Amino acid sequence: MNNKIIGIVLVVVGVALALWGYNIYDSATSQVTRVVSGDTPIEAWGGMVGGVIALLIGISKLK
């Protein structure tokens, strides 16, 4: 039962992190930065990658 609760929390946190990272990636400031310098903010990558990792670990705990 404890693993299921941890899995559900990780899935929810993973989805929230991934959405937060995508919002940063898609923001107007980030778009201007990508046009000017070609760089993507590290917060965007961290949120999206961290969210996917947390989501996958959460799904594996639910099985």
Protein backbone atom coordinates (compact mmCIF):
# COMPACT_ATOMS: atom_id res chain seq x y z
CA MET A 1 0.00 0.00 0.00
CA ASN A 2 2.84 2.38 0.80
CA ASN A 3 4.42 1.89 -2.63
CA LYS A 4 1.11 2.74 -4.32
CA ILE A 5 0.86 6.04 -2.45
CA ILE A 6 4.45 6.92 -3.34
CA GLY A 7 3.74 5.96 -6.95
CA ILE A 8 0.66 8.16 -7.15
CA VAL A 9 2.55 11.10 -5.64
CA LEU A 10 5.42 10.62 -8.09
CA VAL A 11 3.03 10.49 -11.05
CA VAL A 12 1.30 13.71 -9.96
CA VAL A 13 4.61 15.48 -9.25
CA GLY A 14 6.06 14.22 -12.54
CA VAL A 15 3.16 15.56 -14.58
CA ALA A 16 3.30 18.90 -12.74
CA LEU A 17 7.07 19.20 -13.29
CA ALA A 18 6.80 18.32 -16.96
CA LEU A 19 4.04 20.90 -17.48
CA TRP A 20 6.02 23.53 -15.56
CA GLY A 21 9.08 22.84 -17.71
CA TYR A 22 7.04 23.10 -20.88
CA ASN A 23 5.50 26.38 -19.72
CA ILE A 24 8.97 27.81 -19.18
CA TYR A 25 10.10 26.47 -22.56
CA ASP A 26 7.09 28.04 -24.29
CA SER A 27 7.21 31.40 -22.51
CA ALA A 28 7.76 34.61 -24.48
CA THR A 29 11.08 35.31 -22.75
CA SER A 30 12.35 31.85 -23.59
CA GLN A 31 11.26 32.20 -27.22
CA VAL A 32 13.14 35.49 -27.57
CA THR A 33 16.22 33.96 -25.94
CA ARG A 34 16.08 30.98 -28.31
CA VAL A 35 15.83 33.30 -31.34
CA VAL A 36 18.67 35.55 -30.22
CA SER A 37 21.16 33.08 -28.77
CA GLY A 38 19.77 29.63 -29.55
CA ASP A 39 19.87 28.60 -25.87
CA THR A 40 17.04 26.94 -23.99
CA PRO A 41 16.72 27.76 -20.27
CA ILE A 42 18.09 25.01 -18.04
CA GLU A 43 14.96 25.25 -15.90
CA ALA A 44 12.87 24.14 -18.86
CA TRP A 45 15.04 21.09 -19.52
CA GLY A 46 15.27 20.29 -15.82
CA GLY A 47 11.51 20.45 -15.40
CA MET A 48 10.69 18.38 -18.46
CA VAL A 49 13.36 15.72 -17.93
CA GLY A 50 12.80 15.57 -14.16
CA GLY A 51 9.07 15.31 -14.68
CA VAL A 52 9.37 12.44 -17.13
CA ILE A 53 11.78 10.59 -14.82
CA ALA A 54 9.46 11.06 -11.82
CA LEU A 55 6.50 9.96 -13.94
CA LEU A 56 8.25 6.78 -15.09
CA ILE A 57 9.37 5.89 -11.56
CA GLY A 58 5.84 6.52 -10.31
CA ILE A 59 4.32 4.30 -12.98
CA SER A 60 6.78 1.52 -12.15
CA LYS A 61 5.81 1.76 -8.45
CA LEU A 62 2.12 1.39 -9.33
CA LYS A 63 2.62 -1.96 -11.05
